[in-house]
């Protein structure tokens, strides 16, 4: 994809998600990290807001894998950014440390999907979209110990799977595992693959030209989403720290 034919609407959708993420994290810092309203992230509107941001990021990331010639290198870079995020939070905010957060997941998802892309491309796009969405729906409850329809259990999984902290990165969250940002691989990979197949379906239906549309500001934000993600929380937390502890 050359620059003058860039699918700018995809950047804009990602940019809208980035702006929402910044606003959500600002609310989280004010209400939770600084104790104004500790249960903020448990209220229904906040849960829905956070899930919609996550869904958008992951689906768009799956879509965007089609547009890079260096998917392996891109995956490594994003994974390293996730590891850096873990290191920074462990050192500076250990009570809000991030283990296998969204960047770590996206890096692993890019590497995995890039490795099996030829197999994925053999699927009929519509079949892929349906199958991976169903798998996502079934696996959504893995951290809570079940396979089901999103949050409604159908089959309870053996408790033995949830006894080891290292299995938490797959989705079998042990009782002694905590992460302020947690995206286990098996819970979310199907949504990423759904995004990958969704773009193939869009191309098959001849709808890709609709994504040439630009939305100024948001498409710029979307093009620089990784950099913004890496710095925004430091800036937000620093501002909140000044307001609540210094001023």
Protein backbone atom coordinates (compact mmCIF):
# COMPACT_ATOMS: atom_id res chain seq x y z
CA UNK A 1 0.00 0.00 0.00
CA UNK A 2 1.65 3.25 -1.07
CA UNK A 3 1.20 6.50 0.82
CA UNK A 4 -1.10 8.18 -1.71
CA UNK A 5 -3.50 5.23 -1.59
CA UNK A 6 -3.37 4.64 2.11
CA UNK A 7 -6.51 3.29 3.75
CA UNK A 8 -6.78 6.36 5.95
CA UNK A 9 -10.15 5.42 7.43
CA UNK A 10 -8.47 2.50 9.19
CA UNK A 11 -5.97 4.95 10.70
CA UNK A 12 -8.88 7.18 11.74
CA UNK A 13 -10.75 4.33 13.45
CA UNK A 14 -7.55 3.46 15.32
CA UNK A 15 -7.11 7.14 16.17
CA UNK A 16 -10.61 7.35 17.63
CA UNK A 17 -9.79 4.32 19.76
CA UNK A 18 -6.55 5.99 20.90
CA UNK A 19 -8.40 9.16 21.98
CA UNK A 20 -10.94 7.06 23.88
CA UNK A 21 -8.09 5.10 25.48
CA UNK A 22 -6.42 8.31 26.68
CA UNK A 23 -9.68 9.58 28.16
CA UNK A 24 -10.34 6.21 29.82
CA UNK A 25 -6.85 6.07 31.32
CA UNK A 26 -7.23 9.64 32.56
CA UNK A 27 -10.42 8.60 34.35
CA UNK A 28 -8.67 5.49 35.69
CA UNK A 29 -5.76 7.55 37.06
CA UNK A 30 -8.04 10.13 38.69
CA UNK A 31 -10.64 7.76 40.07
CA UNK A 32 -8.65 4.59 40.83
CA UNK A 33 -4.92 5.35 41.12
CA UNK A 34 -5.56 8.46 43.24
CA UNK A 35 -8.54 7.09 45.13
CA UNK A 36 -11.31 9.47 44.06
CA UNK A 37 -13.65 6.61 43.09
CA UNK A 38 -11.94 3.26 43.45
CA UNK A 39 -14.80 1.26 41.91
CA UNK A 40 -14.95 3.37 38.74
CA UNK A 41 -13.68 0.59 36.49
CA UNK A 42 -16.33 -1.82 37.79
CA UNK A 43 -19.36 0.28 36.84
CA UNK A 44 -21.21 -0.91 33.74
CA UNK A 45 -20.62 2.16 31.50
CA UNK A 46 -16.88 2.04 32.24
CA UNK A 47 -16.72 -1.70 31.51
CA UNK A 48 -18.54 -1.26 28.19
CA UNK A 49 -16.34 1.74 27.28
CA UNK A 50 -13.14 -0.19 28.04
CA UNK A 51 -14.27 -3.32 26.14
CA UNK A 52 -15.20 -1.32 23.04
CA UNK A 53 -11.75 0.32 23.02
CA UNK A 54 -10.10 -3.09 23.34
CA UNK A 55 -12.22 -4.67 20.62
CA UNK A 56 -11.45 -1.83 18.22
CA UNK A 57 -7.69 -1.94 18.83
CA UNK A 58 -7.44 -5.69 18.37
CA UNK A 59 -9.66 -5.93 15.30
CA UNK A 60 -7.91 -3.01 13.60
CA UNK A 61 -4.53 -4.54 14.42
CA UNK A 62 -5.63 -7.79 12.78
CA UNK A 63 -6.83 -5.86 9.74
CA UNK A 64 -3.60 -3.87 9.54
CA UNK A 65 -1.36 -6.92 9.36
CA UNK A 66 -2.31 -7.06 5.68
CA UNK A 67 -0.57 -3.75 5.07
CA UNK A 68 2.92 -4.47 6.37
CA UNK A 69 5.70 -6.21 4.50
CA UNK A 70 7.60 -6.76 7.72
CA UNK A 71 5.03 -8.39 9.97
CA UNK A 72 7.62 -10.37 11.92
CA UNK A 73 9.75 -7.30 12.69
CA UNK A 74 6.65 -5.29 13.56
CA UNK A 75 5.54 -8.00 15.95
CA UNK A 76 8.94 -8.05 17.65
CA UNK A 77 8.90 -4.25 18.06
CA UNK A 78 5.43 -4.25 19.60
CA UNK A 79 6.31 -7.16 21.89
CA UNK A 80 9.45 -5.34 23.06
CA UNK A 81 7.32 -2.27 23.78
CA UNK A 82 5.05 -4.50 25.87
CA UNK A 83 8.04 -5.83 27.80
CA UNK A 84 9.26 -2.27 28.34
CA UNK A 85 5.82 -1.31 29.66
CA UNK A 86 6.00 -4.19 32.14
CA UNK A 87 9.47 -3.12 33.30
CA UNK A 88 8.46 0.53 33.79
CA UNK A 89 5.31 -0.30 35.73
CA UNK A 90 7.06 -2.86 37.93
CA UNK A 91 9.70 -0.27 38.86
CA UNK A 92 7.60 2.87 39.25
CA UNK A 93 4.05 1.66 40.03
CA UNK A 94 4.41 -1.89 41.38
CA UNK A 95 0.85 -1.88 42.75
CA UNK A 96 -0.37 -1.24 39.19
CA UNK A 97 2.16 -3.44 37.36
CA UNK A 98 1.27 -4.69 33.89
CA UNK A 99 2.01 -8.30 32.95
CA UNK A 100 1.02 -9.39 29.46
CA UNK A 101 -0.91 -6.24 28.68
CA UNK A 102 -2.32 -5.24 25.32
CA UNK A 103 1.05 -4.52 23.68
CA UNK A 104 2.49 -7.87 24.73
CA UNK A 105 -0.60 -9.58 23.39
CA UNK A 106 -0.58 -7.65 20.10
CA UNK A 107 3.09 -8.44 19.57
CA UNK A 108 2.48 -12.15 20.10
CA UNK A 109 -0.67 -12.04 17.95
CA UNK A 110 1.24 -10.40 15.08
CA UNK A 111 3.98 -13.01 15.24
CA UNK A 112 1.53 -15.90 15.44
CA UNK A 113 -0.75 -14.63 12.67
CA UNK A 114 2.15 -13.73 10.40
CA UNK A 115 3.53 -17.26 10.84
CA UNK A 116 0.25 -18.94 9.81
CA UNK A 117 -0.93 -16.32 7.29
CA UNK A 118 -0.66 -18.70 4.30
CA UNK A 119 -2.94 -21.16 6.07
CA UNK A 120 -5.38 -18.38 6.95
CA UNK A 121 -5.43 -17.19 3.34
CA UNK A 122 -6.71 -20.59 2.22
CA UNK A 123 -9.91 -20.10 4.21
CA UNK A 124 -12.98 -18.56 2.69
CA UNK A 125 -13.09 -15.07 4.28
CA UNK A 126 -16.73 -15.32 5.38
CA UNK A 127 -16.07 -18.72 6.96
CA UNK A 128 -13.01 -17.28 8.73
CA UNK A 129 -14.96 -14.31 10.07
CA UNK A 130 -17.72 -16.54 11.45
CA UNK A 131 -15.42 -19.23 12.86
CA UNK A 132 -13.06 -16.85 14.63
CA UNK A 133 -15.85 -14.75 16.09
CA UNK A 134 -17.49 -17.90 17.45
CA UNK A 135 -14.16 -19.02 18.91
CA UNK A 136 -13.70 -15.62 20.53
CA UNK A 137 -17.18 -15.84 22.01
CA UNK A 138 -16.45 -19.32 23.39
CA UNK A 139 -13.03 -18.42 24.81
CA UNK A 140 -13.98 -15.06 26.29
CA UNK A 141 -14.60 -16.58 29.72
CA UNK A 142 -11.30 -18.50 29.95
CA UNK A 143 -9.85 -16.30 32.75
CA UNK A 144 -13.00 -16.94 34.76
CA UNK A 145 -12.73 -20.71 34.39
CA UNK A 146 -15.20 -21.57 31.67
CA UNK A 147 -15.99 -21.89 27.98
CA UNK A 148 -19.25 -20.22 27.10
CA UNK A 149 -21.14 -17.52 25.24
CA UNK A 150 -19.15 -14.47 26.28
CA UNK A 151 -19.88 -14.16 30.03
CA UNK A 152 -22.39 -17.01 30.18
CA UNK A 153 -20.75 -20.34 31.14
CA UNK A 154 -21.41 -23.50 29.16
CA UNK A 155 -18.57 -25.76 30.31
CA UNK A 156 -16.48 -25.34 33.46
CA UNK A 157 -12.77 -26.02 32.98
CA UNK A 158 -10.62 -28.10 35.38
CA UNK A 159 -9.29 -26.09 38.32
CA UNK A 160 -5.88 -27.67 37.75
CA UNK A 161 -5.39 -25.37 34.75
CA UNK A 162 -5.57 -22.37 37.07
CA UNK A 163 -2.92 -23.43 39.58
CA UNK A 164 0.14 -22.12 37.71
CA UNK A 165 0.91 -18.42 37.38
CA UNK A 166 2.76 -18.85 34.09
CA UNK A 167 -0.40 -20.24 32.43
CA UNK A 168 -2.10 -16.91 33.13
CA UNK A 169 -0.63 -15.44 29.95
CA UNK A 170 -2.63 -18.02 27.99
CA UNK A 171 -5.86 -17.24 29.82
CA UNK A 172 -5.87 -19.65 32.75
CA UNK A 173 -5.59 -16.92 35.38
CA UNK A 174 -4.32 -18.17 38.73
CA UNK A 175 -5.51 -16.63 41.99
CA UNK A 176 -2.08 -15.15 42.72
CA UNK A 177 -1.77 -13.42 39.33
CA UNK A 178 -2.60 -9.73 38.99
CA UNK A 179 -2.07 -7.32 36.13
CA UNK A 180 -3.41 -3.79 35.75
CA UNK A 181 -3.75 -4.47 32.00
CA UNK A 182 -4.36 -8.10 31.09
CA UNK A 183 -4.93 -9.59 27.63
CA UNK A 184 -4.37 -13.36 27.76
CA UNK A 185 -3.48 -14.92 24.44
CA UNK A 186 -6.14 -17.62 24.09
CA UNK A 187 -8.92 -15.28 25.17
CA UNK A 188 -8.15 -12.62 22.54
CA UNK A 189 -6.30 -14.26 19.62
CA UNK A 190 -9.53 -15.27 17.89
CA UNK A 191 -10.65 -11.62 17.80
CA UNK A 192 -7.33 -10.68 16.19
CA UNK A 193 -7.78 -13.43 13.60
CA UNK A 194 -11.36 -12.22 13.08
CA UNK A 195 -9.91 -8.82 12.13
CA UNK A 196 -7.45 -10.44 9.74
CA UNK A 197 -10.24 -12.33 7.98
CA UNK A 198 -12.58 -9.33 8.08
CA UNK A 199 -10.30 -7.37 5.77
CA UNK A 200 -10.11 -10.31 3.38
CA UNK A 201 -13.92 -10.32 3.32
CA UNK A 202 -13.98 -6.56 2.70
CA UNK A 203 -11.62 -7.00 -0.25
CA UNK A 204 -13.61 -9.95 -1.59
CA UNK A 205 -16.76 -7.81 -1.57
CA UNK A 206 -14.93 -4.93 -3.30
CA UNK A 207 -15.46 -2.51 -0.40
CA UNK A 208 -11.83 -1.57 0.26
CA UNK A 209 -12.02 1.72 -1.69
CA UNK A 210 -14.35 3.11 0.95
CA UNK A 211 -11.43 3.08 3.37
CA UNK A 212 -9.47 5.69 1.39
CA UNK A 213 -11.50 8.36 3.15
CA UNK A 214 -9.53 10.65 5.47
CA UNK A 215 -10.71 12.03 8.79
CA UNK A 216 -8.16 14.71 9.72
CA UNK A 217 -6.65 14.58 13.22
CA UNK A 218 -7.90 11.08 13.94
CA UNK A 219 -6.04 9.48 11.03
CA UNK A 220 -2.88 11.33 12.15
CA UNK A 221 -3.34 10.00 15.70
CA UNK A 222 -3.91 6.52 14.30
CA UNK A 223 -0.67 6.58 12.31
CA UNK A 224 1.30 7.33 15.49
CA UNK A 225 -0.65 5.15 17.89
CA UNK A 226 2.29 3.10 19.20
CA UNK A 227 4.34 6.15 20.19
CA UNK A 228 1.28 7.76 21.78
CA UNK A 229 0.50 4.58 23.69
CA UNK A 230 4.03 4.38 25.06
CA UNK A 231 4.08 7.95 26.42
CA UNK A 232 0.48 8.87 27.20
CA UNK A 233 0.17 7.13 30.56
CA UNK A 234 3.42 8.61 31.82
CA UNK A 235 2.14 12.07 30.93
CA UNK A 236 -1.31 11.48 32.41
CA UNK A 237 0.01 9.93 35.61
CA UNK A 238 2.55 12.75 35.98
CA UNK A 239 -0.16 15.41 35.62
CA UNK A 240 -2.41 13.64 38.13
CA UNK A 241 0.51 13.24 40.54
CA UNK A 242 1.20 16.98 40.39
CA UNK A 243 -2.46 17.84 40.94
CA UNK A 244 -3.13 15.42 43.77
CA UNK A 245 0.17 15.46 45.67
CA UNK A 246 1.94 18.74 44.92
CA UNK A 247 -0.63 21.42 44.16
